[in-house]
Protein backbone atom coordinates (compact mmCIF):
# COMPACT_ATOMS: atom_id res chain seq x y z
CA MET A 1 -56.73 -27.97 99.37
CA ASN A 2 -55.57 -31.07 101.24
CA PHE A 3 -57.03 -34.28 102.68
CA ILE A 4 -56.38 -37.29 104.89
CA ASP A 5 -57.56 -40.67 103.58
CA LEU A 6 -58.66 -43.23 106.21
CA PHE A 7 -59.21 -46.92 105.42
CA ALA A 8 -57.74 -45.90 102.08
CA GLY A 9 -57.78 -49.26 100.27
CA ALA A 10 -56.15 -49.09 96.85
CA GLY A 11 -56.89 -45.37 96.64
CA GLY A 12 -60.00 -45.01 94.47
CA LEU A 13 -61.46 -42.23 96.61
CA SER A 14 -58.07 -40.58 96.91
CA GLU A 15 -57.49 -40.74 93.15
CA GLY A 16 -60.69 -38.79 92.57
CA PHE A 17 -59.68 -36.09 95.05
CA VAL A 18 -56.17 -35.80 93.58
CA SER A 19 -57.71 -35.52 90.09
CA ALA A 20 -59.86 -32.66 91.41
CA GLY A 21 -56.80 -30.77 92.63
CA PHE A 22 -56.51 -31.88 96.26
CA THR A 23 -53.19 -32.86 97.87
CA PRO A 24 -53.00 -35.95 100.11
CA ILE A 25 -51.45 -35.43 103.54
CA ALA A 26 -51.61 -39.08 104.58
CA HIS A 27 -53.15 -42.42 103.63
CA ILE A 28 -53.84 -44.99 106.33
CA GLU A 29 -54.47 -48.57 105.18
CA MET A 30 -53.95 -51.88 106.99
CA ASN A 31 -53.64 -54.17 103.95
CA GLU A 32 -50.03 -54.56 102.84
CA TYR A 33 -50.69 -54.93 99.12
CA ALA A 34 -53.10 -51.97 99.01
CA SER A 35 -50.53 -49.88 100.88
CA LEU A 36 -47.91 -50.75 98.27
CA THR A 37 -50.37 -49.78 95.54
CA LEU A 38 -50.78 -46.39 97.25
CA LYS A 39 -46.99 -45.97 97.40
CA THR A 40 -46.63 -46.82 93.73
CA ARG A 41 -49.34 -44.28 92.87
CA THR A 42 -47.55 -41.71 95.01
CA CYS A 43 -44.44 -42.36 92.89
CA TYR A 44 -46.49 -41.81 89.73
CA TYR A 45 -47.63 -38.35 90.79
CA TYR A 46 -44.23 -37.28 92.09
CA LEU A 47 -42.39 -38.41 88.96
CA LYS A 48 -45.03 -36.86 86.72
CA GLU A 49 -44.76 -33.53 88.55
CA HIS A 50 -40.95 -33.57 88.34
CA LYS A 51 -40.86 -34.44 84.62
CA ARG A 52 -39.41 -37.90 85.29
CA ILE A 53 -42.44 -39.97 84.38
CA ASN A 54 -40.31 -42.25 82.20
CA MET A 55 -38.98 -43.78 85.42
CA TYR A 56 -42.52 -44.90 86.25
CA TYR A 57 -43.03 -46.27 82.74
CA ARG A 58 -39.80 -48.23 83.06
CA TYR A 59 -41.26 -49.86 86.16
CA LEU A 60 -44.46 -50.76 84.30
CA ARG A 61 -42.36 -52.31 81.52
CA GLY A 62 -40.48 -54.39 84.11
CA GLU A 63 -37.16 -52.66 83.42
CA ILE A 64 -36.58 -51.60 87.05
CA SER A 65 -37.59 -53.12 90.37
CA GLN A 66 -40.09 -51.81 92.88
CA GLU A 67 -37.18 -50.91 95.16
CA GLU A 68 -35.56 -48.84 92.40
CA LEU A 69 -38.87 -47.08 91.75
CA TYR A 70 -39.35 -46.25 95.43
CA ASN A 71 -35.75 -45.05 95.74
CA SER A 72 -36.44 -42.53 92.96
CA VAL A 73 -38.74 -40.46 95.19
CA PRO A 74 -38.13 -38.86 98.62
CA ASN A 75 -38.62 -41.34 101.46
CA GLU A 76 -40.62 -38.82 103.49
CA LEU A 77 -43.19 -38.81 100.68
CA LEU A 78 -43.60 -42.59 100.73
CA SER A 79 -43.87 -42.51 104.53
CA THR A 80 -47.13 -40.58 104.20
CA VAL A 81 -48.63 -43.98 103.29
CA MET A 82 -49.08 -45.69 106.65
CA ASN A 83 -49.57 -49.45 106.53
CA GLN A 84 -51.38 -49.66 109.85
CA GLU A 85 -54.66 -50.84 111.27
CA ILE A 86 -56.65 -48.00 112.83
CA SER A 87 -57.38 -49.11 116.38
CA ASP A 88 -57.30 -47.88 119.96
CA LYS A 89 -53.72 -49.19 120.21
CA SER A 90 -52.42 -47.55 117.04
CA ILE A 91 -54.33 -44.28 116.81
CA GLU A 92 -52.00 -42.12 118.93
CA ASN A 93 -49.01 -43.24 116.87
CA ILE A 94 -50.91 -42.44 113.66
CA PHE A 95 -51.83 -39.01 115.05
CA ASN A 96 -48.16 -38.36 115.87
CA ASN A 97 -47.07 -39.31 112.36
CA ILE A 98 -49.69 -37.05 110.77
CA ASP A 99 -48.79 -34.21 113.15
CA ASN A 100 -45.14 -34.50 112.06
CA ILE A 101 -46.18 -34.29 108.40
CA ILE A 102 -48.32 -31.25 109.13
CA ARG A 103 -45.41 -29.52 110.91
CA GLU A 104 -42.85 -30.37 108.22
CA LYS A 105 -45.11 -29.15 105.43
CA GLN A 106 -46.23 -26.12 107.47
CA ILE A 107 -49.88 -26.93 106.92
CA ASN A 108 -52.29 -24.64 108.74
CA LYS A 109 -55.34 -26.88 108.70
CA ILE A 110 -56.85 -30.03 107.22
CA ASP A 111 -59.47 -29.23 104.60
CA VAL A 112 -61.13 -32.63 104.14
CA ILE A 113 -61.06 -36.12 105.63
CA ILE A 114 -62.24 -38.95 103.39
CA GLY A 115 -62.66 -42.70 103.66
CA GLY A 116 -64.97 -45.55 104.53
CA PRO A 117 -64.42 -48.36 107.02
CA PRO A 118 -64.45 -51.92 105.59
CA CYS A 119 -68.01 -52.65 104.54
CA GLN A 120 -68.30 -56.40 105.19
CA ALA A 121 -69.95 -55.86 108.57
CA TYR A 122 -72.60 -53.63 106.99
CA SER A 123 -73.20 -55.43 103.69
CA LEU A 124 -76.38 -57.41 103.21
CA VAL A 125 -74.43 -60.28 101.63
CA GLY A 126 -71.97 -60.38 104.51
CA ARG A 127 -74.75 -60.42 107.08
CA SER A 128 -76.65 -63.14 105.24
CA ARG A 129 -73.59 -65.43 105.33
CA ASP A 130 -72.84 -64.89 109.04
CA GLU A 131 -74.82 -66.90 111.57
CA ASN A 132 -74.87 -63.93 113.96
CA ASN A 133 -75.80 -61.41 111.23
CA MET A 134 -72.38 -59.76 111.74
CA GLU A 135 -73.60 -58.55 115.16
CA ASP A 136 -70.29 -59.46 116.82
CA ASP A 137 -68.00 -58.17 114.07
CA PRO A 138 -65.64 -55.50 115.50
CA ARG A 139 -65.72 -53.70 112.14
CA ASN A 140 -69.21 -52.52 113.11
CA TYR A 141 -67.52 -49.93 115.31
CA LEU A 142 -64.71 -48.62 113.11
CA TYR A 143 -66.75 -45.47 112.50
CA LYS A 144 -65.73 -44.46 116.04
CA GLN A 145 -62.08 -44.38 114.91
CA TYR A 146 -63.07 -42.24 111.91
CA VAL A 147 -64.83 -39.78 114.24
CA LYS A 148 -61.69 -39.51 116.40
CA PHE A 149 -59.89 -38.07 113.36
CA LEU A 150 -62.73 -35.58 112.83
CA ASN A 151 -62.50 -34.53 116.46
CA LYS A 152 -58.73 -34.05 116.39
CA TYR A 153 -58.26 -32.37 113.00
CA GLN A 154 -61.62 -30.60 112.59
CA PRO A 155 -61.62 -30.54 108.77
CA ASP A 156 -64.01 -28.16 107.03
CA MET A 157 -65.78 -31.14 105.43
CA PHE A 158 -65.60 -34.92 105.37
CA VAL A 159 -66.75 -37.76 103.11
CA PHE A 160 -67.69 -41.14 104.59
CA GLU A 161 -68.48 -43.84 102.01
CA ASN A 162 -70.15 -47.18 102.58
CA VAL A 163 -72.61 -49.77 101.27
CA PRO A 164 -76.40 -49.28 101.40
CA GLY A 165 -76.58 -52.00 104.07
CA ILE A 166 -75.13 -49.54 106.57
CA LEU A 167 -78.62 -48.04 106.86
CA THR A 168 -80.12 -51.27 108.21
CA ALA A 169 -77.23 -52.81 110.16
CA LYS A 170 -78.37 -53.75 113.67
CA GLY A 171 -81.89 -52.65 112.79
CA GLY A 172 -80.74 -49.14 111.92
CA LYS A 173 -79.03 -48.53 115.28
CA THR A 174 -75.54 -48.47 113.78
CA PHE A 175 -76.43 -45.73 111.30
CA LYS A 176 -78.12 -43.61 113.99
CA ASN A 177 -75.03 -43.98 116.17
CA ILE A 178 -72.71 -42.97 113.32
CA ILE A 179 -74.67 -39.78 112.68
CA ALA A 180 -74.90 -39.02 116.40
CA PHE A 181 -71.13 -39.43 116.90
CA MET A 182 -70.40 -37.13 113.95
CA LYS A 183 -72.76 -34.44 115.23
CA ARG A 184 -71.27 -34.71 118.72
CA VAL A 185 -67.83 -33.56 117.47
CA GLY A 186 -69.20 -30.46 115.74
CA TYR A 187 -70.60 -31.43 112.36
CA GLU A 188 -73.82 -31.12 110.47
CA VAL A 189 -74.34 -34.32 108.52
CA GLU A 190 -76.40 -35.66 105.64
CA ALA A 191 -76.42 -39.07 103.98
CA ARG A 192 -77.63 -39.78 100.45
CA PRO A 193 -77.61 -42.85 98.21
CA LEU A 194 -75.51 -42.08 95.14
CA ASN A 195 -74.95 -44.24 92.07
CA ALA A 196 -71.60 -44.34 90.28
CA SER A 197 -73.45 -44.46 86.95
CA ASP A 198 -74.63 -40.88 87.56
CA PHE A 199 -70.99 -39.76 87.58
CA GLY A 200 -70.12 -41.25 84.18
CA VAL A 201 -68.94 -44.64 85.48
CA LEU A 202 -70.15 -47.53 83.30
CA GLN A 203 -71.32 -49.46 86.37
CA ASN A 204 -74.49 -49.67 88.43
CA ARG A 205 -72.95 -49.15 91.87
CA ARG A 206 -75.08 -47.68 94.65
CA ARG A 207 -73.33 -46.36 97.75
CA ILE A 208 -74.30 -44.33 100.78
CA ILE A 209 -72.22 -41.15 100.85
CA ILE A 210 -72.27 -39.31 104.15
CA ILE A 211 -70.97 -35.76 103.89
CA GLY A 212 -70.43 -33.53 106.90
CA TRP A 213 -69.49 -29.88 107.39
CA ARG A 214 -68.60 -27.88 110.46
CA LYS A 215 -71.56 -26.43 112.28
CA GLY A 216 -72.09 -22.77 111.51
CA SER A 217 -69.87 -22.86 108.40
CA GLY A 218 -72.74 -22.18 105.99
CA LEU A 219 -71.76 -25.23 103.95
CA ARG A 220 -74.18 -27.99 102.91
CA TYR A 221 -74.48 -31.29 101.07
CA PRO A 222 -73.48 -30.65 97.43
CA ASP A 223 -76.03 -31.06 94.65
CA PHE A 224 -74.80 -33.57 92.08
CA GLN A 225 -76.20 -33.44 88.56
CA SER A 226 -76.44 -36.77 86.79
CA ILE A 227 -74.01 -37.02 83.87
CA LYS A 228 -75.44 -38.62 80.75
CA ILE A 229 -72.78 -40.44 78.76
CA ASN A 230 -73.30 -41.80 75.27
CA ALA A 231 -71.32 -44.98 75.88
CA ILE A 232 -71.76 -48.70 76.52
CA VAL A 233 -69.69 -51.17 78.51
CA ASN A 234 -68.03 -52.52 75.35
CA ASP A 235 -66.37 -49.10 75.03
CA ILE A 236 -64.06 -50.07 77.92
CA LEU A 237 -63.47 -53.61 76.65
CA ARG A 238 -63.05 -53.68 72.89
CA ASP A 239 -59.67 -51.92 72.59
CA LEU A 240 -57.98 -54.58 74.75
CA SER A 241 -56.47 -57.68 73.20
CA PRO A 242 -58.70 -60.80 73.17
CA LEU A 243 -57.54 -63.39 75.72
CA ASN A 244 -57.84 -67.09 76.25
CA PRO A 245 -58.31 -68.23 79.87
CA GLY A 246 -55.03 -67.95 81.77
CA GLU A 247 -53.43 -65.57 79.25
CA GLU A 248 -51.85 -62.16 79.72
CA ILE A 249 -51.44 -59.96 76.63
CA ASN A 250 -50.77 -56.32 77.40
CA GLU A 251 -51.61 -54.88 73.99
CA TYR A 252 -54.14 -52.37 72.71
CA VAL A 253 -55.88 -53.49 69.51
CA GLU A 254 -57.92 -50.32 68.80
CA PRO A 255 -57.25 -46.58 69.14
CA ILE A 256 -58.57 -44.54 72.05
CA ASN A 257 -62.31 -44.02 71.76
CA LYS A 258 -64.39 -41.06 72.89
CA TYR A 259 -65.38 -42.50 76.27
CA LEU A 260 -61.87 -43.65 77.20
CA ARG A 261 -60.56 -40.18 76.38
CA TRP A 262 -63.34 -38.33 78.22
CA SER A 263 -63.07 -40.48 81.35
CA GLY A 264 -59.27 -40.35 81.41
CA ILE A 265 -59.12 -44.15 81.58
CA ARG A 266 -56.73 -44.36 78.65
CA LYS A 267 -54.21 -41.71 77.64
CA LYS A 268 -51.96 -41.36 74.62
CA ASN A 269 -48.70 -42.78 76.02
CA ASP A 270 -50.13 -45.38 78.40
CA ILE A 271 -48.37 -48.70 78.90
CA LEU A 272 -50.95 -51.42 79.39
CA THR A 273 -50.56 -53.70 82.41
CA HIS A 274 -52.69 -56.27 84.25
CA HIS A 275 -54.57 -57.49 81.16
CA MET A 276 -54.47 -61.00 82.57
CA CYS A 277 -57.28 -63.41 83.35
CA ARG A 278 -57.65 -66.57 85.38
CA ASN A 279 -57.82 -70.09 84.02
CA HIS A 280 -61.16 -71.91 83.76
CA ASN A 281 -62.06 -75.56 83.57
CA GLU A 282 -64.03 -76.79 80.58
CA ARG A 283 -67.29 -77.21 82.50
CA ASP A 284 -67.26 -73.56 83.60
CA ARG A 285 -66.48 -72.43 80.05
CA LYS A 286 -69.51 -74.36 78.78
CA ILE A 287 -71.66 -72.57 81.36
CA TYR A 288 -70.12 -69.21 80.42
CA ARG A 289 -70.98 -69.82 76.78
CA LEU A 290 -74.60 -70.61 77.67
CA ALA A 291 -74.78 -67.44 79.79
CA ILE A 292 -73.31 -65.27 77.02
CA ASN A 293 -75.62 -66.72 74.38
CA ALA A 294 -78.65 -66.22 76.64
CA TRP A 295 -77.77 -62.57 77.08
CA ASN A 296 -77.14 -62.04 73.37
CA ASP A 297 -80.48 -63.72 72.61
CA GLY A 298 -82.88 -61.13 73.97
CA HIS A 299 -81.00 -60.04 77.10
CA ARG A 300 -81.97 -63.13 79.08
CA ARG A 301 -80.10 -63.83 82.32
CA LEU A 302 -79.10 -67.46 82.81
CA LYS A 303 -80.48 -69.07 85.96
CA TYR A 304 -78.74 -71.98 87.62
CA THR A 305 -81.90 -74.04 87.13
CA ASP A 306 -81.56 -73.49 83.35
CA LEU A 307 -78.36 -75.53 83.20
CA PRO A 308 -78.27 -79.11 81.94
CA GLU A 309 -77.91 -81.56 84.83
CA GLU A 310 -74.39 -82.59 83.84
CA LEU A 311 -73.16 -79.00 84.36
CA CYS A 312 -74.67 -78.60 87.83
CA THR A 313 -72.35 -79.06 90.78
CA HIS A 314 -74.46 -77.42 93.51
CA LYS A 315 -77.38 -79.18 95.14
CA ASN A 316 -78.95 -75.89 96.23
CA LYS A 317 -81.32 -74.80 93.46
CA GLU A 318 -83.40 -72.47 95.62
CA ALA A 319 -80.94 -69.62 96.28
CA PHE A 320 -78.25 -67.72 94.34
CA LEU A 321 -79.70 -68.77 91.01
CA ASP A 322 -77.86 -65.88 89.29
CA ARG A 323 -74.39 -67.13 90.28
CA PHE A 324 -73.29 -66.97 86.61
CA LYS A 325 -73.62 -63.48 85.18
CA VAL A 326 -72.37 -61.83 82.02
CA VAL A 327 -70.97 -58.31 82.09
CA ALA A 328 -73.37 -56.91 79.51
CA GLY A 329 -71.31 -55.14 76.89
CA ASP A 330 -74.18 -53.63 74.91
CA ILE A 331 -75.79 -51.52 77.65
CA GLU A 332 -74.72 -48.45 79.62
CA SER A 333 -73.68 -50.05 82.91
CA ALA A 334 -72.18 -53.26 84.24
CA GLN A 335 -73.27 -54.87 87.49
CA THR A 336 -71.57 -53.81 90.71
CA MET A 337 -67.92 -54.82 90.77
CA MET A 338 -67.19 -56.72 94.00
CA ALA A 339 -64.15 -58.21 95.67
CA HIS A 340 -65.72 -61.63 95.16
CA ILE A 341 -64.19 -61.54 91.66
CA SER A 342 -61.00 -62.61 93.45
CA LYS A 343 -62.57 -66.00 94.31
CA ASP A 344 -64.02 -66.89 90.91
CA GLY A 345 -65.11 -65.10 87.75
CA HIS A 346 -68.63 -66.55 87.54
CA TYR A 347 -70.35 -63.23 88.25
CA PHE A 348 -68.17 -61.25 85.84
CA ILE A 349 -68.15 -63.14 82.52
CA HIS A 350 -66.73 -61.32 79.51
CA PRO A 351 -69.49 -60.73 76.92
CA ASP A 352 -67.49 -62.10 73.97
CA ALA A 353 -68.47 -65.76 73.40
CA ASN A 354 -65.27 -66.31 71.38
CA GLN A 355 -63.16 -65.58 74.47
CA CYS A 356 -65.43 -67.36 76.96
CA ARG A 357 -63.67 -66.25 80.15
CA SER A 358 -64.09 -63.94 83.11
CA LEU A 359 -62.81 -60.37 83.15
CA SER A 360 -59.13 -59.61 83.29
CA VAL A 361 -57.67 -57.53 86.11
CA ARG A 362 -57.42 -54.50 83.81
CA GLU A 363 -60.99 -54.90 82.57
CA ALA A 364 -62.23 -55.03 86.16
CA ALA A 365 -60.22 -51.88 86.91
CA ARG A 366 -61.80 -50.15 83.92
CA VAL A 367 -65.31 -51.10 85.08
CA GLN A 368 -64.34 -49.25 88.27
CA SER A 369 -63.03 -46.32 86.11
CA PHE A 370 -59.39 -46.67 87.21
CA PRO A 371 -57.00 -45.21 84.62
CA ASP A 372 -54.78 -47.63 82.71
CA ASN A 373 -51.68 -46.04 84.28
CA TYR A 374 -52.87 -47.15 87.73
CA TYR A 375 -50.72 -50.07 88.87
CA PHE A 376 -51.98 -52.50 91.52
CA GLU A 377 -49.39 -54.30 93.63
CA GLY A 378 -49.53 -57.92 94.77
CA PRO A 379 -50.63 -61.22 93.21
CA ARG A 380 -53.66 -61.39 90.91
CA THR A 381 -56.06 -62.27 93.74
CA ALA A 382 -54.91 -59.25 95.76
CA LYS A 383 -55.34 -57.01 92.73
CA PHE A 384 -58.93 -58.17 92.24
CA ILE A 385 -59.73 -57.58 95.93
CA GLN A 386 -58.31 -54.05 95.82
CA ILE A 387 -60.28 -53.23 92.70
CA GLY A 388 -63.55 -54.75 93.91
CA ASN A 389 -63.42 -52.87 97.23
CA ALA A 390 -62.57 -49.49 95.73
CA VAL A 391 -64.60 -46.36 95.20
CA PRO A 392 -64.68 -45.63 91.44
CA PRO A 393 -62.22 -42.75 90.91
CA LEU A 394 -64.55 -41.05 88.42
CA MET A 395 -67.32 -40.96 91.02
CA ALA A 396 -64.88 -39.73 93.65
CA LYS A 397 -63.70 -36.97 91.31
CA GLY A 398 -67.28 -35.76 90.81
CA ILE A 399 -67.77 -35.59 94.58
CA ALA A 400 -64.40 -33.90 95.13
CA GLU A 401 -64.99 -31.22 92.48
CA LYS A 402 -68.23 -30.12 94.15
CA ILE A 403 -66.59 -30.05 97.58
CA ARG A 404 -63.71 -28.01 96.20
CA GLU A 405 -66.16 -25.49 94.69
CA MET A 406 -67.86 -25.09 98.05
CA LEU A 407 -64.65 -24.70 100.04
CA GLU A 408 -63.15 -22.17 97.64
């Protein structure tokens, strides 16, 4: 079973499909740092398969450079990660590159195409911040590029992931057009809202998952059974070293617990990376402490209007009153992880009042269900963006397993 990943990001959707036994043919991603993350992950799987995983661990420990890591795997494998924007100008070149891979690997057909165009043009938040309601954003039409891949490679099935706002963009016209374009190239299509929490992810993350299958194939939209996990958010936080703002301490302080083992987030020989957090000024830390104490005292959410006047810096006290939010450690799911965590940590405050900081990069990755051996390339801000934009791998794995069952 193989797949092509479009608008691949840092590879959350791909990671789930690989975990379910699929083989990637190509990843296409325009962001340079995300593309490097995909290459590094490609190295991980190659070195693991060829019993040379210690080379990858040496990279995580900082003992070898990125160049040395990349030189340890065949170049043709790394070239399957294409750092390109998908556009009318680039698409023929991308097709040619994929066709060459297909010929070299003697692949008979593409089983699945996965991916989701950037969601900013469809998101309710994005539209609310744009004076034209994102009407003029060219990303509204990237689904047409996705459909070109369906038309050329005719996979048995495809997965198209996006935010719930895609249903109402342009008054619903965009969604109707997406479905119509997919049907026009030979697919039956269904869209359903799915929540990552139903797949064992400790996060309340609703997404629209469009799944299509070739007309007349007898396939259908898979039925997903909700997984009930006896775990709370603290189960992905408490084994990591406590941090002060601005610190990085890559140490485990507790053994692997049941949830970390079940989810595959932490494995026996993992080398911890990215357990670093941003610095905070004293005013923000005072607000964080108030927010944490409010949550611990009867699960109350701090509103901006609850703050003492000396801690208020915004004149607007009518909107965005929940701009400071604790990641609740004592319940089953955190709030939706977003790329906004790259700008400030106000919406993702660690629940421990003694630490009084926002989440570290690794903690954010764990909320998204990324395994600890997943290494994100680029500066801290770029890491946060990649994580916030990703599909949780555990959710992707649940989707991929059902698709694999159907195709087999």
